[in-house]
Amino acid sequence: MKRVLVTGAAGFLGSHLCDRFIKEGCHVIGMDNLITGRIENIEHLFPLSNFEFYHHDVTKFIHIPGKLDYILHFASPASPIDYLKIPIQTLKVSSLGTHNCLGLARAKKSRILVASTSEIYGDPLVHPQNEDYWGNVNPIGPRGVYDEAKRFQEALTMAYHSYHQVETRIVRIFNTYGPRMRLNDGRALPAFIGQALRGEDITVFGDGSQTRSFCYVDDLVEGIYRLLHSDYAYPINIGNPEELSMLEFANEIVALTQTKQKIVFKDLPEDDPKQRQPDISRAKEILGWTPQVKRNEGLAITYSYFKSLSKEELNLKEHKDFKKFTS
């Protein structure tokens, strides 16, 4: 039985990865400090003999007894609300946390896959974005704590690959959605649906012409799984190349939720990317991967999940553990 460590296991993506590797017959060790993760995302796994959970911060020394075949490093705040409220922790998890995970991979002779992001491209001057583009990032802007943390993470990962011959994989994740997203995390899809369910106006930033490309979580997990088991050590984009404007997307959410609220416009946040669309040629060629779930199908599943949340969760403005991590 393969043993797999998933950091950030109680988060949106981490919890789905735990499910996938359990399904594949692996022994999964989930690790999370629960700063943005929700224990509810993985509590269905607790009765299983091939799942264990460590409540631990990866920026501290990591000790896992026994062998480890794979490490998937997904511990990081991933939304603007999160990383603007906890900027130091965001920088630490992708630097110190990644260093600890890479050191563990070296000691255990494990293969490690680290979660990078389309945000390493910044506000891109190349469209669509391919893996050879170096990006256009403001290192001292408000988003720099996340963007530069992930860029450093990639550099550190490649250094361990080149210098220590650690088997590394890097996935650059574009906008992803699905069940277990937090309504209060500041990203467009949960924000729009949350506003609709609370009876609030739908907020679009700028004039709504900025674009995004949304990938359903099952498709993303499949791409990550294939990348982990490939022989490719360099970054690969995983995302859905179907691009649409935020105003178009807001109107899709209005139609989906049949809300009576109107769309209102607010100023565009500083350094907000104007375009975001992955070039997935490399994923197609190397992994044989393309997204399969149509957006209308994925949105319907995601909306059903959000509708099932309690009134308390719908009206929650801040993650319960933020205050204890902001000092």
Protein backbone atom coordinates (compact mmCIF):
# COMPACT_ATOMS: atom_id res chain seq x y z
CA MET A 1 0.00 0.00 0.00
CA LYS A 2 1.43 3.38 -1.03
CA ARG A 3 1.69 5.93 1.78
CA VAL A 4 0.83 9.51 0.84
CA LEU A 5 1.20 12.73 2.85
CA VAL A 6 -1.18 15.56 1.87
CA THR A 7 -0.46 18.91 3.50
CA GLY A 8 -3.36 21.34 3.58
CA ALA A 9 -5.55 18.23 3.78
CA ALA A 10 -8.56 19.98 5.31
CA GLY A 11 -8.67 22.61 2.59
CA PHE A 12 -10.78 22.66 -0.55
CA LEU A 13 -8.27 20.97 -2.86
CA GLY A 14 -6.43 18.99 -0.19
CA SER A 15 -9.59 17.23 0.97
CA HIS A 16 -10.49 16.18 -2.58
CA LEU A 17 -6.96 14.84 -3.04
CA CYS A 18 -7.32 12.80 0.15
CA ASP A 19 -10.52 11.32 -1.27
CA ARG A 20 -8.81 10.44 -4.56
CA PHE A 21 -5.84 8.69 -2.98
CA ILE A 22 -8.07 6.80 -0.56
CA LYS A 23 -10.08 5.67 -3.60
CA GLU A 24 -6.84 4.51 -5.23
CA GLY A 25 -6.15 2.26 -2.23
CA CYS A 26 -3.42 4.35 -0.63
CA HIS A 27 -2.75 5.02 3.04
CA VAL A 28 -3.29 8.78 3.36
CA ILE A 29 -1.77 10.98 6.06
CA GLY A 30 -3.53 14.34 6.14
CA MET A 31 -1.80 17.35 7.72
CA ASP A 32 -3.32 20.78 8.39
CA ASN A 33 -3.08 23.54 11.00
CA LEU A 34 -6.72 24.48 10.22
CA ILE A 35 -5.96 28.17 9.73
CA THR A 36 -8.06 28.13 6.55
CA GLY A 37 -8.94 24.44 6.32
CA ARG A 38 -12.16 22.97 7.73
CA ILE A 39 -12.07 19.70 9.65
CA GLU A 40 -15.57 19.04 8.28
CA ASN A 41 -14.01 18.53 4.83
CA ILE A 42 -12.25 15.35 5.93
CA GLU A 43 -14.19 14.07 8.94
CA HIS A 44 -15.86 11.46 6.71
CA LEU A 45 -12.39 9.87 6.38
CA PHE A 46 -11.68 9.57 10.10
CA PRO A 47 -13.29 6.12 10.56
CA LEU A 48 -11.09 4.63 7.83
CA SER A 49 -8.10 2.52 8.84
CA ASN A 50 -6.04 3.88 5.92
CA PHE A 51 -6.45 7.54 6.90
CA GLU A 52 -4.78 9.45 9.72
CA PHE A 53 -4.70 13.16 10.52
CA TYR A 54 -1.93 15.29 12.00
CA HIS A 55 -2.97 18.72 13.33
CA HIS A 56 0.34 20.37 12.53
CA ASP A 57 1.84 23.51 10.98
CA VAL A 58 4.22 22.61 8.15
CA THR A 59 6.40 25.65 8.90
CA LYS A 60 7.52 23.67 11.97
CA PHE A 61 9.67 20.53 11.73
CA ILE A 62 7.73 17.62 10.20
CA HIS A 63 8.13 14.09 11.52
CA ILE A 64 6.29 11.20 9.88
CA PRO A 65 7.25 7.69 11.04
CA GLY A 66 7.70 4.97 8.44
CA LYS A 67 8.03 5.15 4.69
CA LEU A 68 6.45 7.81 2.47
CA ASP A 69 5.97 7.21 -1.23
CA TYR A 70 4.44 10.56 -2.15
CA ILE A 71 4.10 14.05 -0.66
CA LEU A 72 1.55 16.53 -2.01
CA HIS A 73 2.24 19.99 -0.59
CA PHE A 74 -1.03 21.92 -0.72
CA ALA A 75 -0.75 23.88 2.54
CA SER A 76 -1.24 27.56 1.74
CA PRO A 77 -3.87 30.26 1.90
CA ALA A 78 -5.12 30.57 -1.68
CA SER A 79 -7.58 33.45 -1.81
CA PRO A 80 -7.11 37.23 -1.54
CA ILE A 81 -9.14 37.50 1.68
CA ASP A 82 -6.93 34.85 3.28
CA TYR A 83 -3.50 36.04 2.25
CA LEU A 84 -4.24 39.74 2.75
CA LYS A 85 -5.28 39.01 6.37
CA ILE A 86 -2.40 36.63 7.12
CA PRO A 87 0.45 37.80 4.86
CA ILE A 88 3.34 36.60 7.04
CA GLN A 89 1.87 33.11 7.40
CA THR A 90 1.30 33.03 3.63
CA LEU A 91 4.96 33.77 2.98
CA LYS A 92 6.13 31.27 5.61
CA VAL A 93 4.09 28.31 4.38
CA SER A 94 5.47 28.52 0.84
CA SER A 95 9.05 29.12 2.03
CA LEU A 96 9.67 27.43 5.39
CA GLY A 97 6.83 24.97 4.83
CA THR A 98 8.06 24.00 1.38
CA HIS A 99 11.62 23.69 2.70
CA ASN A 100 10.43 21.30 5.40
CA CYS A 101 8.40 19.23 2.92
CA LEU A 102 11.30 19.02 0.48
CA GLY A 103 13.64 18.02 3.30
CA LEU A 104 11.20 15.30 4.30
CA ALA A 105 10.99 14.10 0.69
CA ARG A 106 14.77 13.93 0.51
CA ALA A 107 15.03 12.02 3.80
CA LYS A 108 12.27 9.57 2.86
CA LYS A 109 13.27 9.32 -0.82
CA SER A 110 9.70 10.32 -1.67
CA ARG A 111 8.33 11.90 -4.81
CA ILE A 112 6.89 15.35 -3.99
CA LEU A 113 4.35 17.43 -5.90
CA VAL A 114 4.01 21.08 -4.89
CA ALA A 115 0.97 23.22 -5.60
CA SER A 116 1.90 26.39 -7.43
CA THR A 117 -0.56 28.79 -9.01
CA SER A 118 -1.43 30.82 -12.07
CA GLU A 119 -0.70 33.86 -9.88
CA ILE A 120 3.01 33.40 -10.57
CA TYR A 121 2.16 34.97 -13.95
CA GLY A 122 0.87 38.11 -12.19
CA ASP A 123 -1.02 40.55 -14.41
CA PRO A 124 0.14 38.82 -17.60
CA LEU A 125 1.52 40.45 -20.73
CA VAL A 126 1.25 37.12 -22.58
CA HIS A 127 -2.12 35.56 -23.34
CA PRO A 128 -2.95 32.74 -22.90
CA GLN A 129 -0.31 31.95 -20.30
CA ASN A 130 2.11 29.13 -21.05
CA GLU A 131 4.72 27.63 -18.76
CA ASP A 132 7.61 29.40 -20.51
CA TYR A 133 6.24 32.84 -19.60
CA TRP A 134 8.09 34.36 -16.61
CA GLY A 135 5.26 36.58 -15.46
CA ASN A 136 4.57 40.21 -14.55
CA VAL A 137 4.38 40.41 -10.75
CA ASN A 138 4.54 43.38 -8.39
CA PRO A 139 6.68 41.97 -5.54
CA ILE A 140 5.74 44.75 -3.07
CA GLY A 141 2.05 45.07 -3.91
CA PRO A 142 -0.69 43.59 -1.71
CA ARG A 143 -0.80 40.38 -3.76
CA GLY A 144 2.99 40.01 -3.69
CA VAL A 145 2.89 38.00 -0.47
CA TYR A 146 1.15 35.19 -2.34
CA ASP A 147 2.58 35.62 -5.84
CA GLU A 148 6.21 35.88 -4.75
CA ALA A 149 5.81 33.13 -2.15
CA LYS A 150 4.74 30.75 -4.89
CA ARG A 151 7.52 31.90 -7.23
CA PHE A 152 10.08 31.26 -4.47
CA GLN A 153 8.44 27.88 -3.83
CA GLU A 154 9.01 26.88 -7.45
CA ALA A 155 12.64 28.02 -7.33
CA LEU A 156 13.27 26.10 -4.11
CA THR A 157 11.61 22.99 -5.51
CA MET A 158 13.74 23.06 -8.65
CA ALA A 159 16.87 23.60 -6.53
CA TYR A 160 16.11 20.42 -4.56
CA HIS A 161 15.48 18.61 -7.83
CA SER A 162 18.76 19.77 -9.41
CA TYR A 163 21.06 19.74 -6.38
CA HIS A 164 19.66 16.89 -4.28
CA GLN A 165 18.05 14.86 -7.11
CA VAL A 166 14.69 14.86 -5.30
CA GLU A 167 11.85 13.66 -7.53
CA THR A 168 9.75 16.81 -7.81
CA ARG A 169 6.58 17.79 -9.66
CA ILE A 170 5.07 21.30 -9.90
CA VAL A 171 1.45 22.02 -10.81
CA ARG A 172 0.39 25.56 -11.68
CA ILE A 173 -3.27 25.65 -10.72
CA PHE A 174 -5.71 27.99 -12.43
CA ASN A 175 -9.12 29.00 -11.02
CA THR A 176 -10.84 25.91 -9.65
CA TYR A 177 -14.29 25.46 -8.14
CA GLY A 178 -16.51 22.81 -6.61
CA PRO A 179 -17.96 21.55 -3.32
CA ARG A 180 -16.07 22.42 -0.10
CA MET A 181 -15.05 25.91 -1.20
CA ARG A 182 -15.53 28.44 1.58
CA LEU A 183 -18.19 31.03 0.89
CA ASN A 184 -16.17 33.70 2.70
CA ASP A 185 -12.84 33.18 0.94
CA GLY A 186 -13.17 36.13 -1.44
CA ARG A 187 -12.99 34.28 -4.75
CA ALA A 188 -15.53 35.11 -7.43
CA LEU A 189 -17.62 31.96 -7.56
CA PRO A 190 -18.33 31.51 -3.82
CA ALA A 191 -18.67 35.27 -3.45
CA PHE A 192 -21.31 35.49 -6.20
CA ILE A 193 -23.25 32.44 -4.98
CA GLY A 194 -23.01 33.54 -1.35
CA GLN A 195 -24.38 36.97 -2.19
CA ALA A 196 -27.23 35.39 -4.16
CA LEU A 197 -28.14 33.03 -1.31
CA ARG A 198 -28.06 35.88 1.23
CA GLY A 199 -30.19 38.12 -0.97
CA GLU A 200 -27.40 40.64 -1.55
CA ASP A 201 -26.49 42.42 -4.78
CA ILE A 202 -23.85 40.66 -6.89
CA THR A 203 -20.56 42.59 -6.72
CA VAL A 204 -18.39 42.81 -9.83
CA PHE A 205 -15.06 44.62 -9.60
CA GLY A 206 -13.99 47.08 -12.28
CA ASP A 207 -16.19 47.02 -15.38
CA GLY A 208 -16.28 43.21 -15.36
CA SER A 209 -14.15 42.86 -18.49
CA GLN A 210 -11.32 41.03 -16.68
CA THR A 211 -11.33 37.35 -17.55
CA ARG A 212 -10.97 34.07 -15.71
CA SER A 213 -11.05 30.39 -16.68
CA PHE A 214 -12.80 27.99 -14.29
CA CYS A 215 -11.90 24.31 -13.87
CA TYR A 216 -14.09 21.86 -11.94
CA VAL A 217 -12.31 20.25 -9.01
CA ASP A 218 -12.62 16.64 -10.26
CA ASP A 219 -10.84 17.59 -13.49
CA LEU A 220 -8.08 19.35 -11.55
CA VAL A 221 -7.54 16.35 -9.25
CA GLU A 222 -7.27 14.05 -12.27
CA GLY A 223 -4.62 16.33 -13.79
CA ILE A 224 -2.68 16.42 -10.53
CA TYR A 225 -2.86 12.64 -10.19
CA ARG A 226 -1.49 12.18 -13.70
CA LEU A 227 1.28 14.72 -13.13
CA LEU A 228 2.38 13.00 -9.91
CA HIS A 229 2.73 9.70 -11.77
CA SER A 230 4.47 11.22 -14.78
CA ASP A 231 8.21 11.61 -15.34
CA TYR A 232 8.01 15.38 -15.85
CA ALA A 233 9.79 17.57 -13.26
CA TYR A 234 9.00 21.04 -14.57
CA PRO A 235 5.85 23.16 -14.04
CA ILE A 236 2.65 22.22 -15.85
CA ASN A 237 -0.51 24.33 -16.12
CA ILE A 238 -3.68 22.57 -15.04
CA GLY A 239 -6.87 24.50 -15.68
CA ASN A 240 -9.77 24.92 -18.05
CA PRO A 241 -8.87 27.10 -21.06
CA GLU A 242 -12.50 28.20 -21.58
CA GLU A 243 -12.21 31.94 -20.83
CA LEU A 244 -15.03 34.32 -19.92
CA SER A 245 -15.35 37.79 -18.46
CA MET A 246 -16.34 38.32 -14.84
CA LEU A 247 -19.48 40.15 -15.96
CA GLU A 248 -20.45 37.17 -18.12
CA PHE A 249 -19.76 34.90 -15.17
CA ALA A 250 -21.85 37.04 -12.81
CA ASN A 251 -24.75 36.81 -15.24
CA GLU A 252 -24.35 33.01 -15.35
CA ILE A 253 -24.62 32.92 -11.55
CA VAL A 254 -27.71 35.15 -11.65
CA ALA A 255 -29.32 32.73 -14.12
CA LEU A 256 -28.24 29.68 -12.08
CA THR A 257 -29.52 31.00 -8.75
CA GLN A 258 -32.54 32.85 -10.24
CA THR A 259 -31.69 35.71 -7.92
CA LYS A 260 -33.66 38.96 -7.96
CA GLN A 261 -30.64 41.03 -6.96
CA LYS A 262 -28.88 43.36 -9.38
CA ILE A 263 -25.22 43.42 -10.38
CA VAL A 264 -23.28 46.31 -8.84
CA PHE A 265 -19.78 47.50 -9.67
CA LYS A 266 -16.88 48.40 -7.34
CA ASP A 267 -13.32 49.57 -7.93
CA LEU A 268 -10.89 46.94 -9.19
CA PRO A 269 -8.45 45.81 -6.45
CA GLU A 270 -4.79 46.73 -6.86
CA ASP A 271 -2.80 44.43 -9.18
CA ASP A 272 -5.87 42.33 -10.00
CA PRO A 273 -5.02 40.35 -13.18
CA LYS A 274 -6.89 41.56 -16.26
CA GLN A 275 -6.69 38.21 -18.06
CA ARG A 276 -6.31 34.65 -16.92
CA GLN A 277 -6.37 31.71 -19.35
CA PRO A 278 -4.13 28.64 -19.25
CA ASP A 279 -2.32 27.25 -22.24
CA ILE A 280 -2.69 23.52 -21.51
CA SER A 281 -0.75 22.24 -24.52
CA ARG A 282 1.89 20.72 -22.25
CA ALA A 283 -0.70 18.93 -20.10
CA LYS A 284 -2.33 17.52 -23.23
CA GLU A 285 0.96 16.31 -24.68
CA ILE A 286 2.67 14.96 -21.55
CA LEU A 287 -0.28 13.87 -19.40
CA GLY A 288 -2.96 13.22 -22.01
CA TRP A 289 -5.17 15.48 -19.88
CA THR A 290 -7.99 17.83 -20.80
CA PRO A 291 -10.91 18.99 -18.62
CA GLN A 292 -14.08 16.93 -19.05
CA VAL A 293 -16.74 18.60 -16.87
CA LYS A 294 -18.81 21.31 -18.59
CA ARG A 295 -19.18 24.52 -16.62
CA ASN A 296 -22.98 24.30 -16.41
CA GLU A 297 -22.66 20.79 -14.94
CA GLY A 298 -20.01 21.75 -12.41
CA LEU A 299 -21.84 24.92 -11.38
CA ALA A 300 -25.05 22.99 -10.73
CA ILE A 301 -23.22 20.56 -8.40
CA THR A 302 -21.43 23.41 -6.64
CA TYR A 303 -24.63 25.42 -6.18
CA SER A 304 -26.36 22.40 -4.63
CA TYR A 305 -23.49 22.12 -2.16
CA PHE A 306 -23.72 25.78 -1.14
CA LYS A 307 -27.50 25.56 -0.78
CA SER A 308 -27.01 22.73 1.74
CA LEU A 309 -24.97 24.95 4.11
CA SER A 310 -26.48 26.23 7.34
CA LYS A 311 -27.56 29.84 7.79
CA GLU A 312 -24.62 30.33 10.16
CA GLU A 313 -22.16 29.22 7.47
CA LEU A 314 -23.84 31.38 4.84
CA ASN A 315 -23.48 34.48 7.01
CA LEU A 316 -19.98 33.75 8.33
CA LYS A 317 -17.78 36.73 7.46
CA GLU A 318 -14.46 35.46 8.77
CA HIS A 319 -12.83 32.07 9.25
CA LYS A 320 -13.09 31.02 12.88
CA ASP A 321 -9.30 30.55 13.36
CA PHE A 322 -8.03 33.73 11.70
CA LYS A 323 -7.73 35.78 14.90
CA LYS A 324 -5.38 33.37 16.64
CA PHE A 325 -2.96 33.45 13.66
CA THR A 326 -2.80 37.20 13.06
CA SER A 327 -0.43 38.18 15.86
